[in-house]
Each structure stands twice: as C-alpha cells, then as structure tokens.
Amino acid sequence: MPEKIARSLAVALAAHQASTASHRVGDGTPEFALAANEGHHLNIGPGELCLTEWAAAGLELPDLPAMRQYRLERTVAKLREFGYGGAVLFDPMNIRYVTDTTNMQLWVMHNGARYCYVSADGYVIVWDYAGCEFFSGHSHVVDEVRPATGSTYFLAGPRYAEIARRWADEIVSVVGEHQRGNRRLAVDQCHQLGYEALAAAGIEVGYGVEVMELARVIKSVDEIKAMRCATHACEATMGEMRAALTPGMTEREVWAMLHEGNIRRAGEWIETQILSSGPRTNPWMQEASARVIEEGDMVAYDTDLVGAYGMMCDISRSFIAGGTKPTKHQANLHSMALDVLAHNTELLTPGRTLRELTFDALLPDVDRYRHYSCQFHGVGQCDEYPEVYVPRAWDDWGYDAVLEPGMVLTVESFIGDRRGGEGVKFENQVLVTEDGPELMTPSTLEL
C-alpha cells in the first residue's frame, strides 16, 4: 500500500473509532449492534467456498479498508479537480464506490430511497432507507448516517413536491455546513423537482456522472485483487454451467445456473439475460428464452454479472451443445472471432489513444458480418468509461483519451454472417499494465 494511503487510512480509522460510532447506535439494542458489526454481510465475508477456491488458485484477498480509503481519495481528488465542493450520489454503483455500503441495490436504482454526500474534504454522509443505519456499520469512511427522504411517487404519493423541497432543504444545509462557501455541487442523478429546488436555492448543480466515471477508471491494487477473486468465481460457475448443459434443456434453465452459482460464490446480481442458442445467436443480444437447445447448437452468452466484492465480471463464451464437432460454418466464425480477440487484446498498452484503438482494431468486413456495438469498454463495478466504438461510428460517437496502467477494459468479439446462420461471441477482461495487457479471464475459448 502506498505510504500516503497508509497514513491517511490510519488517521481515518482512528478518527472513525473516536468520533463517529454514535451515528450507528440506532435503537441501542444488541440486535442492531450485531447487524452493524459481526453480523454484517460484508464483515462475514465471501464464505468458505470462495475462500477455498481462491486459496487453491493462489489469489490474494483485497484489503477492504485500504480499498475504501483509496476510492474516497480518488473521489475527493476529482471533486477538487473539477472545482466542486461536494457531490450527491444516487446511483448505487457510485454509493458503493465512495462508501462500500449496499442496501437493496436494484430496488433503490428506481426508488430514490438511498443516496450519499461526499465533500471535497472527504466528509461522507449516507442517507439510508428507514431503520437501515446498520448497513454502514462496517465502513470507516462513512462519517454520518441519516434517514433518507424519498420523493418518488411510490414513496411520497401526491406529496412528492413538498417532500422534494424537504429533501433539497436538507442538501442545501449540508452544502452550507461542509463546502466552505463553494456552492458547486456534483449530482449523478436526481428527480426533476430536486434539481429545480437546488437551483432555486442558489446551488450550481454539475454533472456528477463525469466526476465518478473518471474517479473509478484507475483501479487500485486491492480493487484488482477483488476483481481477480470475482472473475475466478465467475469462471468457476461458467465451468459448472457448461459441464451441466445437455441438449434438451431450455436456454432459461442454463441461464439459471449462472445466477445460482453467482449468488453461491458471493456475487450480487446479473445485469442482463443474454444467452441464446442455435439460430438465436445471430443477431446478437437476444435474451434467454424457452427455446430447447439441440445437439450441435451453438450456445453463446454474456455473463454481465456483478460478482464478489461488487466487482463486474463481463465475460462472453460460445460453445457447441452436446460436444459434437463444429460445422464448417461454426468453425469459420470461431476462427474469425478468436483472431479479433487476440489482435485487439495486444493493443491495450499504456499510452495508446482511444482513437488508435478505434482504427487499429481488427474488425471483419462490416457489410458482410454483424459485429458487437463496441470494440472495447471499461469495466469495474459495472460497464464503465471508456467505450470504444467501430470506425464508422467515430464521427457520431467517438472521443479520445489515453490508456493508463490500472485501467481494466473488455475486448469484444462477435461474428455473425448477415446472410444467416449462427453467431459466435467472445469477451475477455484485460488489465492495462506498464508491461502491456494482462488477461484476467483465462477460461477456455474452445468450442
């Protein structure tokens, strides 16, 4: 751990223990104390299955307090770089990044019942769903927990405008207390009335998504350790799924095995339902269905899952059901897809620009073959900045930046003949290092 982060972490832990325990007292009962401490799911840890498999693979566990401190310091640095006094964050991914706390991650994505504030001085407040203060009990970076004020119609009904103003009044008070006269506030996403109320109070609201995407783009040593553990768990589940698949199963029955294995190995959720077979593999992006998989079918999928430690595992594989030999068409697509994957992986070196990636990447004839929507994209807690499109999309969508060590990107490869037939999909996660690209997802690419 760098000396600066180690010093900051020691100071933060001491201050946390000395002055902020009271905000998690809750109702003062032993049950609450248990939920906030040794009973907290992140304190219990990933479980014996994961620990045994990771130890056998020689993987190191992340130092979670160090990872939390690194993420807070990255966020604070970006707030200062953009001239903000603080940020209000509703996106559960951003809350997790700043605080390493979770609560009903998918539900709060559309219910606005959980959010946090971080000042440019590093003061952190979590507003949580009523009675859930204990969900921050494990994280030393959280200074204060308050009950959330949700103004969605489900929560507030016809009083939404009144409650939105109440929410804004509290945020304005926090800005006044912690931002030392700086009225610039980054917000990642918010209800319309909240934006209006903040503006009416003289708050200059900025685009918090930019701040957070750029903070998250460079991973720490411990984030990489966490991702290695998560991808190993994901690939172990993928192996079980592939071994168990037999012709006669439906696509949904196969897809359910990925969900089961992800949860069993300390994962959290899956963002999509992309698994298809036979003729449904081309065009790509079709969701798992009741179609019965037949002998000799191509089966292709994209994990798109949030795994252990809240880290994304974005891996695609294709294989033939029943273990039969590939047809000439299948073998040709497979060979082309592997060529794309191999060539484009080698481009992920420090100093290379996104424009260079766009135009130097291998891409089969787009008039003859369908391809994926992008050639590369960032990955961390989920799909993240940057995204690298195909050359013909540069004028409409392209933007430039430079690859740096500590970035993690996926390399996308889909080949589907526009004249018909099946398609093949592969995707790997790759770490950009000083010495070049490092594959993080080594599971087999064989059909």
Protein backbone atom coordinates (compact mmCIF):
# COMPACT_ATOMS: atom_id res chain seq x y z
CA MET A 1 0.00 0.00 0.00
CA PRO A 2 1.46 3.43 -0.86
CA GLU A 3 2.73 5.27 2.23
CA LYS A 4 0.37 8.24 1.70
CA ILE A 5 -2.70 5.99 1.62
CA ALA A 6 -1.44 4.01 4.64
CA ARG A 7 -1.07 7.22 6.68
CA SER A 8 -4.45 8.51 5.56
CA LEU A 9 -6.05 5.18 6.41
CA ALA A 10 -4.55 5.07 9.91
CA VAL A 11 -5.73 8.62 10.64
CA ALA A 12 -9.18 7.94 9.22
CA LEU A 13 -9.62 4.73 11.21
CA ALA A 14 -8.62 6.43 14.44
CA ALA A 15 -10.97 9.36 13.85
CA HIS A 16 -13.76 7.00 12.88
CA GLN A 17 -13.41 4.95 16.05
CA ALA A 18 -13.12 8.03 18.25
CA SER A 19 -15.91 10.24 16.98
CA THR A 20 -18.39 8.63 14.64
CA ALA A 21 -19.61 5.46 16.32
CA SER A 22 -22.67 7.22 17.74
CA HIS A 23 -24.40 7.61 14.39
CA ARG A 24 -24.79 3.83 14.19
CA VAL A 25 -26.25 3.30 17.64
CA GLY A 26 -29.72 3.05 16.09
CA ASP A 27 -32.19 1.79 18.69
CA GLY A 28 -29.35 0.77 21.01
CA THR A 29 -30.31 -2.90 21.09
CA PRO A 30 -27.93 -5.88 20.82
CA GLU A 31 -29.70 -6.89 17.61
CA PHE A 32 -28.79 -3.60 15.97
CA ALA A 33 -25.19 -3.83 17.16
CA LEU A 34 -24.94 -7.35 15.73
CA ALA A 35 -26.36 -6.26 12.37
CA ALA A 36 -23.87 -3.38 12.16
CA ASN A 37 -20.80 -5.38 13.17
CA GLU A 38 -20.07 -9.11 13.19
CA GLY A 39 -23.45 -9.89 11.63
CA HIS A 40 -22.95 -7.53 8.68
CA HIS A 41 -22.80 -9.48 5.42
CA LEU A 42 -19.61 -7.75 4.26
CA ASN A 43 -17.95 -8.45 7.61
CA ILE A 44 -18.98 -12.13 7.44
CA GLY A 45 -17.15 -12.23 4.12
CA PRO A 46 -17.47 -14.21 0.89
CA GLY A 47 -17.73 -17.65 2.53
CA GLU A 48 -15.79 -20.90 2.72
CA LEU A 49 -16.43 -21.99 -0.89
CA CYS A 50 -14.88 -18.81 -2.28
CA LEU A 51 -12.00 -18.74 0.17
CA THR A 52 -11.11 -22.35 -0.56
CA GLU A 53 -11.23 -21.91 -4.33
CA TRP A 54 -9.30 -18.64 -4.24
CA ALA A 55 -6.61 -20.09 -1.98
CA ALA A 56 -6.21 -23.07 -4.32
CA ALA A 57 -5.80 -20.62 -7.21
CA GLY A 58 -3.15 -18.64 -5.32
CA LEU A 59 -5.26 -15.48 -5.19
CA GLU A 60 -4.76 -12.78 -2.56
CA LEU A 61 -7.76 -11.21 -0.84
CA PRO A 62 -8.19 -7.45 -1.09
CA ASP A 63 -7.53 -5.19 1.90
CA LEU A 64 -11.03 -3.73 2.07
CA PRO A 65 -10.31 -0.77 4.41
CA ALA A 66 -7.43 0.24 2.12
CA MET A 67 -9.66 -0.13 -0.93
CA ARG A 68 -12.33 2.06 0.70
CA GLN A 69 -9.79 4.74 1.54
CA TYR A 70 -8.34 4.70 -1.98
CA ARG A 71 -11.79 5.13 -3.52
CA LEU A 72 -12.69 8.00 -1.22
CA GLU A 73 -9.42 9.76 -2.00
CA ARG A 74 -9.93 9.26 -5.76
CA THR A 75 -13.39 10.82 -5.47
CA VAL A 76 -12.16 13.76 -3.41
CA ALA A 77 -9.32 14.38 -5.87
CA LYS A 78 -11.75 14.50 -8.80
CA LEU A 79 -14.12 16.84 -6.96
CA ARG A 80 -11.25 19.24 -6.37
CA GLU A 81 -10.02 18.88 -9.95
CA PHE A 82 -13.45 19.94 -11.26
CA GLY A 83 -13.90 22.67 -8.65
CA TYR A 84 -16.85 21.12 -6.80
CA GLY A 85 -17.37 21.50 -3.07
CA GLY A 86 -19.08 18.14 -2.85
CA ALA A 87 -21.28 15.56 -4.57
CA VAL A 88 -24.67 13.97 -4.03
CA LEU A 89 -24.84 10.45 -5.44
CA PHE A 90 -27.94 8.32 -6.04
CA ASP A 91 -26.51 5.66 -8.36
CA PRO A 92 -25.92 2.57 -6.16
CA MET A 93 -22.66 1.92 -8.01
CA ASN A 94 -21.34 5.35 -7.04
CA ILE A 95 -22.57 4.98 -3.46
CA ARG A 96 -20.77 1.63 -3.28
CA TYR A 97 -17.61 3.21 -4.69
CA VAL A 98 -17.50 6.06 -2.17
CA THR A 99 -18.78 4.21 0.90
CA ASP A 100 -18.59 0.45 0.21
CA THR A 101 -22.12 0.15 1.56
CA THR A 102 -25.07 -1.64 -0.01
CA ASN A 103 -28.81 -1.92 0.56
CA MET A 104 -31.37 -3.24 -1.92
CA GLN A 105 -29.10 -2.27 -4.83
CA LEU A 106 -31.56 -2.86 -7.67
CA TRP A 107 -34.61 -1.55 -5.82
CA VAL A 108 -33.00 1.78 -4.96
CA MET A 109 -31.97 2.25 -8.60
CA HIS A 110 -35.57 3.23 -9.33
CA ASN A 111 -36.92 4.30 -5.95
CA GLY A 112 -34.56 7.10 -4.84
CA ALA A 113 -34.60 5.87 -1.25
CA ARG A 114 -30.84 5.81 -0.72
CA TYR A 115 -28.15 8.37 -1.50
CA CYS A 116 -24.92 9.80 -0.15
CA TYR A 117 -22.93 13.01 0.06
CA VAL A 118 -19.16 13.40 -0.09
CA SER A 119 -17.46 16.75 0.41
CA ALA A 120 -14.23 17.86 -1.24
CA ASP A 121 -12.75 17.48 2.25
CA GLY A 122 -13.78 13.84 2.42
CA TYR A 123 -16.75 14.07 4.80
CA VAL A 124 -19.28 11.33 3.95
CA ILE A 125 -22.97 11.11 4.79
CA VAL A 126 -25.20 8.18 3.82
CA TRP A 127 -28.96 8.63 3.73
CA ASP A 128 -30.40 5.13 4.07
CA TYR A 129 -33.82 3.54 3.97
CA ALA A 130 -35.65 3.93 7.29
CA GLY A 131 -34.22 1.71 10.04
CA CYS A 132 -31.23 0.57 7.99
CA GLU A 133 -28.42 2.58 9.57
CA PHE A 134 -26.55 -0.65 10.31
CA PHE A 135 -25.69 -1.13 6.64
CA SER A 136 -22.86 1.42 7.07
CA GLY A 137 -21.51 -0.09 10.28
CA HIS A 138 -18.53 -1.81 8.64
CA SER A 139 -17.14 1.13 6.64
CA HIS A 140 -14.71 3.55 8.27
CA VAL A 141 -15.17 6.15 5.52
CA VAL A 142 -18.79 6.86 6.48
CA ASP A 143 -18.97 9.74 8.97
CA GLU A 144 -22.72 10.05 9.40
CA VAL A 145 -25.94 8.18 8.59
CA ARG A 146 -29.36 9.80 8.25
CA PRO A 147 -32.82 8.59 7.23
CA ALA A 148 -33.46 9.07 3.51
CA THR A 149 -36.11 11.47 2.19
CA GLY A 150 -37.53 9.81 -0.91
CA SER A 151 -39.83 11.81 -3.18
CA THR A 152 -40.70 9.26 -5.86
CA TYR A 153 -44.43 8.83 -6.28
CA PHE A 154 -44.33 5.37 -4.74
CA LEU A 155 -42.80 6.79 -1.56
CA ALA A 156 -44.39 10.23 -1.42
CA GLY A 157 -47.64 9.96 -3.40
CA PRO A 158 -49.25 13.33 -4.18
CA ARG A 159 -46.98 15.00 -1.57
CA TYR A 160 -43.93 14.47 -3.84
CA ALA A 161 -43.37 18.22 -4.44
CA GLU A 162 -43.47 19.05 -0.75
CA ILE A 163 -41.11 16.19 0.12
CA ALA A 164 -38.74 17.05 -2.74
CA ARG A 165 -38.42 20.55 -1.27
CA ARG A 166 -37.75 19.00 2.14
CA TRP A 167 -35.01 16.87 0.55
CA ALA A 168 -33.48 19.93 -1.13
CA ASP A 169 -33.57 21.96 2.07
CA GLU A 170 -31.50 19.32 3.82
CA ILE A 171 -28.99 19.12 0.97
CA VAL A 172 -28.65 22.92 0.93
CA SER A 173 -27.98 22.80 4.68
CA VAL A 174 -25.28 20.17 4.18
CA VAL A 175 -23.67 22.23 1.40
CA GLY A 176 -23.61 25.26 3.69
CA GLU A 177 -22.03 23.28 6.52
CA HIS A 178 -19.37 21.37 4.60
CA GLN A 179 -18.46 23.26 1.42
CA ARG A 180 -16.98 26.47 2.89
CA GLY A 181 -18.87 28.80 0.61
CA ASN A 182 -18.43 26.70 -2.53
CA ARG A 183 -21.94 26.38 -3.99
CA ARG A 184 -20.93 23.99 -6.78
CA LEU A 185 -22.42 20.52 -6.20
CA ALA A 186 -21.92 17.48 -8.44
CA VAL A 187 -25.03 15.27 -8.76
CA ASP A 188 -25.02 11.98 -10.64
CA GLN A 189 -28.80 11.57 -10.97
CA CYS A 190 -31.77 13.15 -9.27
CA HIS A 191 -35.51 13.70 -9.62
CA GLN A 192 -36.57 16.77 -11.59
CA LEU A 193 -38.03 18.62 -8.62
CA GLY A 194 -34.81 18.12 -6.71
CA TYR A 195 -32.77 19.78 -9.45
CA GLU A 196 -35.23 22.68 -9.57
CA ALA A 197 -35.22 23.14 -5.79
CA LEU A 198 -31.43 23.11 -5.59
CA ALA A 199 -31.15 25.65 -8.40
CA ALA A 200 -33.74 27.87 -6.71
CA ALA A 201 -31.62 27.80 -3.56
CA GLY A 202 -28.58 29.06 -5.46
CA ILE A 203 -26.80 25.72 -5.81
CA GLU A 204 -24.85 25.28 -9.04
CA VAL A 205 -25.54 21.66 -9.96
CA GLY A 206 -22.89 19.93 -12.08
CA TYR A 207 -22.63 16.59 -13.85
CA GLY A 208 -21.58 14.15 -11.14
CA VAL A 209 -21.52 11.21 -13.53
CA GLU A 210 -18.39 12.64 -15.15
CA VAL A 211 -16.67 13.00 -11.78
CA MET A 212 -17.45 9.45 -10.72
CA GLU A 213 -16.65 7.73 -14.02
CA LEU A 214 -13.23 9.39 -14.08
CA ALA A 215 -12.62 8.58 -10.42
CA ARG A 216 -13.44 4.93 -10.98
CA VAL A 217 -11.36 4.44 -14.13
CA ILE A 218 -7.98 3.73 -12.43
CA LYS A 219 -8.13 0.68 -10.17
CA SER A 220 -6.04 0.25 -7.04
CA VAL A 221 -4.02 -2.85 -6.21
CA ASP A 222 -6.81 -4.00 -3.90
CA GLU A 223 -9.52 -3.39 -6.49
CA ILE A 224 -7.57 -5.58 -8.90
CA LYS A 225 -7.28 -8.28 -6.23
CA ALA A 226 -11.03 -8.05 -5.67
CA MET A 227 -11.65 -8.32 -9.41
CA ARG A 228 -9.36 -11.33 -9.73
CA CYS A 229 -11.35 -13.08 -7.00
CA ALA A 230 -14.66 -12.13 -8.61
CA THR A 231 -13.66 -13.28 -12.11
CA HIS A 232 -12.27 -16.55 -10.75
CA ALA A 233 -15.59 -17.20 -9.01
CA CYS A 234 -17.47 -16.31 -12.18
CA GLU A 235 -15.38 -18.59 -14.36
CA ALA A 236 -15.78 -21.46 -11.88
CA THR A 237 -19.55 -21.06 -12.22
CA MET A 238 -19.25 -20.85 -16.02
CA GLY A 239 -17.40 -24.17 -15.98
CA GLU A 240 -20.13 -25.79 -13.93
CA MET A 241 -22.79 -24.40 -16.25
CA ARG A 242 -21.04 -25.66 -19.36
CA ALA A 243 -20.46 -29.12 -17.86
CA ALA A 244 -24.10 -29.44 -16.79
CA LEU A 245 -25.64 -28.29 -20.08
CA THR A 246 -27.19 -31.09 -22.10
CA PRO A 247 -29.33 -30.96 -25.21
CA GLY A 248 -32.99 -30.85 -24.24
CA MET A 249 -32.54 -28.10 -21.65
CA THR A 250 -34.03 -24.69 -22.31
CA GLU A 251 -31.94 -21.56 -22.53
CA ARG A 252 -33.52 -20.29 -19.30
CA GLU A 253 -32.60 -23.49 -17.45
CA VAL A 254 -28.98 -22.97 -18.44
CA TRP A 255 -29.06 -19.27 -17.59
CA ALA A 256 -30.49 -20.05 -14.13
CA MET A 257 -27.30 -21.98 -13.33
CA LEU A 258 -25.24 -18.81 -13.80
CA HIS A 259 -27.48 -16.95 -11.35
CA GLU A 260 -27.27 -19.76 -8.81
CA GLY A 261 -23.51 -20.05 -9.00
CA ASN A 262 -23.02 -16.29 -8.82
CA ILE A 263 -25.02 -15.98 -5.61
CA ARG A 264 -23.38 -19.08 -4.09
CA ARG A 265 -19.98 -17.52 -4.74
CA ALA A 266 -20.76 -14.16 -3.08
CA GLY A 267 -21.98 -12.42 -6.22
CA GLU A 268 -24.76 -9.86 -6.21
CA TRP A 269 -26.80 -9.74 -9.42
CA ILE A 270 -26.75 -10.14 -13.21
CA GLU A 271 -27.45 -7.07 -15.30
CA THR A 272 -28.78 -8.75 -18.46
CA GLN A 273 -30.24 -12.06 -19.67
CA ILE A 274 -28.08 -12.58 -22.76
CA LEU A 275 -27.89 -16.28 -23.52
CA SER A 276 -29.03 -17.76 -26.82
CA SER A 277 -28.66 -20.92 -28.83
CA GLY A 278 -28.70 -22.10 -32.43
CA PRO A 279 -30.38 -19.64 -34.81
CA ARG A 280 -30.98 -17.18 -31.94
CA THR A 281 -27.24 -16.45 -31.66
CA ASN A 282 -27.39 -14.19 -34.76
CA PRO A 283 -28.14 -11.29 -34.47
CA TRP A 284 -26.60 -10.91 -31.03
CA MET A 285 -28.21 -9.57 -27.79
CA GLN A 286 -31.18 -11.94 -27.76
CA GLU A 287 -32.34 -12.80 -24.23
CA ALA A 288 -32.64 -16.29 -22.75
CA SER A 289 -35.87 -17.97 -23.79
CA ALA A 290 -37.87 -21.17 -23.51
CA ARG A 291 -36.21 -22.50 -26.68
CA VAL A 292 -34.96 -26.07 -26.24
CA ILE A 293 -31.25 -26.42 -27.01
CA GLU A 294 -30.50 -29.09 -29.60
CA GLU A 295 -27.47 -31.28 -30.21
CA GLY A 296 -24.89 -29.36 -32.22
CA ASP A 297 -26.33 -25.93 -31.44
CA MET A 298 -24.01 -23.03 -30.81
CA VAL A 299 -24.68 -21.74 -27.28
CA ALA A 300 -23.41 -18.23 -26.56
CA TYR A 301 -23.76 -15.95 -23.54
CA ASP A 302 -22.52 -12.79 -21.84
CA THR A 303 -22.20 -13.01 -18.04
CA ASP A 304 -22.72 -9.25 -17.35
CA LEU A 305 -22.73 -10.04 -13.64
CA VAL A 306 -21.81 -8.14 -10.51
CA GLY A 307 -19.81 -10.67 -8.56
CA ALA A 308 -17.87 -10.93 -5.32
CA TYR A 309 -16.87 -7.64 -3.68
CA GLY A 310 -19.27 -5.84 -6.03
CA MET A 311 -16.87 -6.24 -8.98
CA MET A 312 -18.13 -6.73 -12.52
CA CYS A 313 -17.39 -9.93 -14.44
CA ASP A 314 -18.15 -9.23 -18.09
CA ILE A 315 -17.20 -12.41 -19.94
CA SER A 316 -18.62 -13.97 -23.11
CA ARG A 317 -18.17 -17.52 -24.29
CA SER A 318 -19.57 -19.70 -27.09
CA PHE A 319 -19.55 -23.49 -27.34
CA ILE A 320 -21.36 -26.35 -29.05
CA ALA A 321 -24.05 -28.25 -27.16
CA GLY A 322 -23.55 -31.98 -26.87
CA GLY A 323 -19.84 -31.94 -27.63
CA THR A 324 -20.25 -32.60 -31.34
CA LYS A 325 -17.68 -31.40 -33.84
CA PRO A 326 -18.28 -27.92 -35.22
CA THR A 327 -19.67 -27.48 -38.68
CA LYS A 328 -17.56 -25.68 -41.28
CA HIS A 329 -19.67 -22.53 -40.72
CA GLN A 330 -19.24 -22.71 -36.94
CA ALA A 331 -15.51 -23.34 -37.19
CA ASN A 332 -15.01 -20.41 -39.56
CA LEU A 333 -16.87 -17.98 -37.30
CA HIS A 334 -14.95 -19.29 -34.30
CA SER A 335 -11.61 -18.74 -36.01
CA MET A 336 -12.52 -15.20 -37.04
CA ALA A 337 -13.76 -14.33 -33.53
CA LEU A 338 -10.54 -15.61 -31.96
CA ASP A 339 -8.43 -13.58 -34.39
CA VAL A 340 -10.31 -10.42 -33.39
CA LEU A 341 -9.87 -11.19 -29.69
CA ALA A 342 -6.15 -11.93 -29.97
CA HIS A 343 -5.27 -8.95 -32.18
CA ASN A 344 -7.28 -6.40 -30.21
CA THR A 345 -6.05 -7.58 -26.81
CA GLU A 346 -2.49 -6.76 -27.83
CA LEU A 347 -3.47 -3.14 -28.46
CA LEU A 348 -4.21 -2.47 -24.77
CA THR A 349 -0.92 -0.84 -23.85
CA PRO A 350 -0.25 2.33 -21.82
CA GLY A 351 -0.12 5.50 -23.89
CA ARG A 352 -2.31 4.22 -26.71
CA THR A 353 -5.23 6.52 -27.53
CA LEU A 354 -8.87 5.60 -27.89
CA ARG A 355 -8.72 6.86 -31.46
CA GLU A 356 -5.89 4.45 -32.19
CA LEU A 357 -7.89 1.62 -30.64
CA THR A 358 -10.85 2.52 -32.81
CA PHE A 359 -8.99 2.45 -36.11
CA ASP A 360 -6.23 -0.08 -35.40
CA ALA A 361 -8.50 -2.81 -34.03
CA LEU A 362 -9.25 -5.82 -36.19
CA LEU A 363 -12.85 -5.80 -37.43
CA PRO A 364 -14.16 -8.14 -40.14
CA ASP A 365 -15.99 -6.67 -43.11
CA VAL A 366 -18.96 -4.89 -41.54
CA ASP A 367 -21.02 -5.20 -44.71
CA ARG A 368 -20.66 -8.97 -44.63
CA TYR A 369 -20.57 -9.68 -40.89
CA ARG A 370 -22.51 -8.35 -37.92
CA HIS A 371 -20.37 -7.10 -35.05
CA TYR A 372 -20.84 -6.01 -31.44
CA SER A 373 -21.91 -2.46 -30.61
CA CYS A 374 -18.38 -1.53 -29.50
CA GLN A 375 -14.86 -2.94 -29.74
CA PHE A 376 -13.72 -2.24 -26.15
CA HIS A 377 -15.21 -0.78 -23.00
CA GLY A 378 -14.12 -0.12 -19.44
CA VAL A 379 -15.20 -2.35 -16.59
CA GLY A 380 -15.03 -2.07 -12.81
CA GLN A 381 -18.14 -2.25 -10.65
CA CYS A 382 -20.13 -2.47 -13.90
CA ASP A 383 -19.63 -1.41 -17.51
CA GLU A 384 -17.72 1.86 -17.17
CA TYR A 385 -15.96 4.59 -19.12
CA PRO A 386 -14.44 4.47 -21.70
CA GLU A 387 -16.30 2.89 -24.63
CA VAL A 388 -14.55 2.44 -27.97
CA TYR A 389 -16.84 2.21 -31.00
CA VAL A 390 -16.24 0.94 -34.54
CA PRO A 391 -14.57 3.24 -37.10
CA ARG A 392 -17.74 4.17 -38.98
CA ALA A 393 -19.25 5.46 -35.70
CA TRP A 394 -16.30 7.76 -34.87
CA ASP A 395 -17.83 10.98 -36.18
CA ASP A 396 -21.08 10.47 -34.29
CA TRP A 397 -19.82 8.85 -31.07
CA GLY A 398 -16.03 8.77 -30.86
CA TYR A 399 -13.93 10.61 -28.27
CA ASP A 400 -10.27 10.41 -27.38
CA ALA A 401 -8.28 9.68 -24.24
CA VAL A 402 -5.13 7.78 -23.34
CA LEU A 403 -4.85 4.32 -21.79
CA GLU A 404 -3.16 4.26 -18.38
CA PRO A 405 -1.90 1.45 -16.13
CA GLY A 406 -4.66 0.37 -13.75
CA MET A 407 -7.43 0.61 -16.32
CA VAL A 408 -9.44 -2.54 -17.00
CA LEU A 409 -11.19 -2.96 -20.34
CA THR A 410 -13.08 -5.74 -22.03
CA VAL A 411 -12.29 -6.82 -25.56
CA GLU A 412 -15.48 -7.60 -27.51
CA SER A 413 -15.73 -10.03 -30.39
CA PHE A 414 -18.95 -11.05 -32.13
CA ILE A 415 -19.13 -12.51 -35.63
CA GLY A 416 -22.48 -13.19 -37.30
CA ASP A 417 -22.90 -13.64 -41.04
CA ARG A 418 -25.51 -11.24 -42.47
CA ARG A 419 -26.55 -13.98 -44.89
CA GLY A 420 -27.74 -16.13 -41.98
CA GLY A 421 -26.62 -18.92 -39.70
CA GLU A 422 -25.35 -18.87 -36.14
CA GLY A 423 -23.07 -16.33 -34.47
CA VAL A 424 -20.08 -16.57 -32.13
CA LYS A 425 -19.49 -14.23 -29.17
CA PHE A 426 -16.37 -13.84 -27.03
CA GLU A 427 -15.34 -11.21 -24.49
CA ASN A 428 -12.38 -11.01 -22.12
CA GLN A 429 -11.40 -8.63 -19.32
CA VAL A 430 -7.91 -7.22 -19.65
CA LEU A 431 -5.82 -5.19 -17.20
CA VAL A 432 -3.61 -2.47 -18.66
CA THR A 433 -0.17 -2.69 -17.00
CA GLU A 434 3.18 -0.99 -17.50
CA ASP A 435 4.30 -4.19 -19.23
CA GLY A 436 1.28 -4.45 -21.51
CA PRO A 437 -2.08 -6.23 -21.43
CA GLU A 438 -2.76 -8.87 -18.78
CA LEU A 439 -5.64 -11.30 -19.34
CA MET A 440 -7.90 -11.57 -16.28
CA THR A 441 -10.33 -14.15 -17.70
CA PRO A 442 -8.37 -17.19 -18.92
CA SER A 443 -11.23 -19.74 -19.24
CA THR A 444 -11.29 -21.78 -22.43
CA LEU A 445 -12.26 -20.30 -25.77
CA GLU A 446 -12.63 -23.70 -27.43
CA LEU A 447 -15.94 -24.77 -28.93
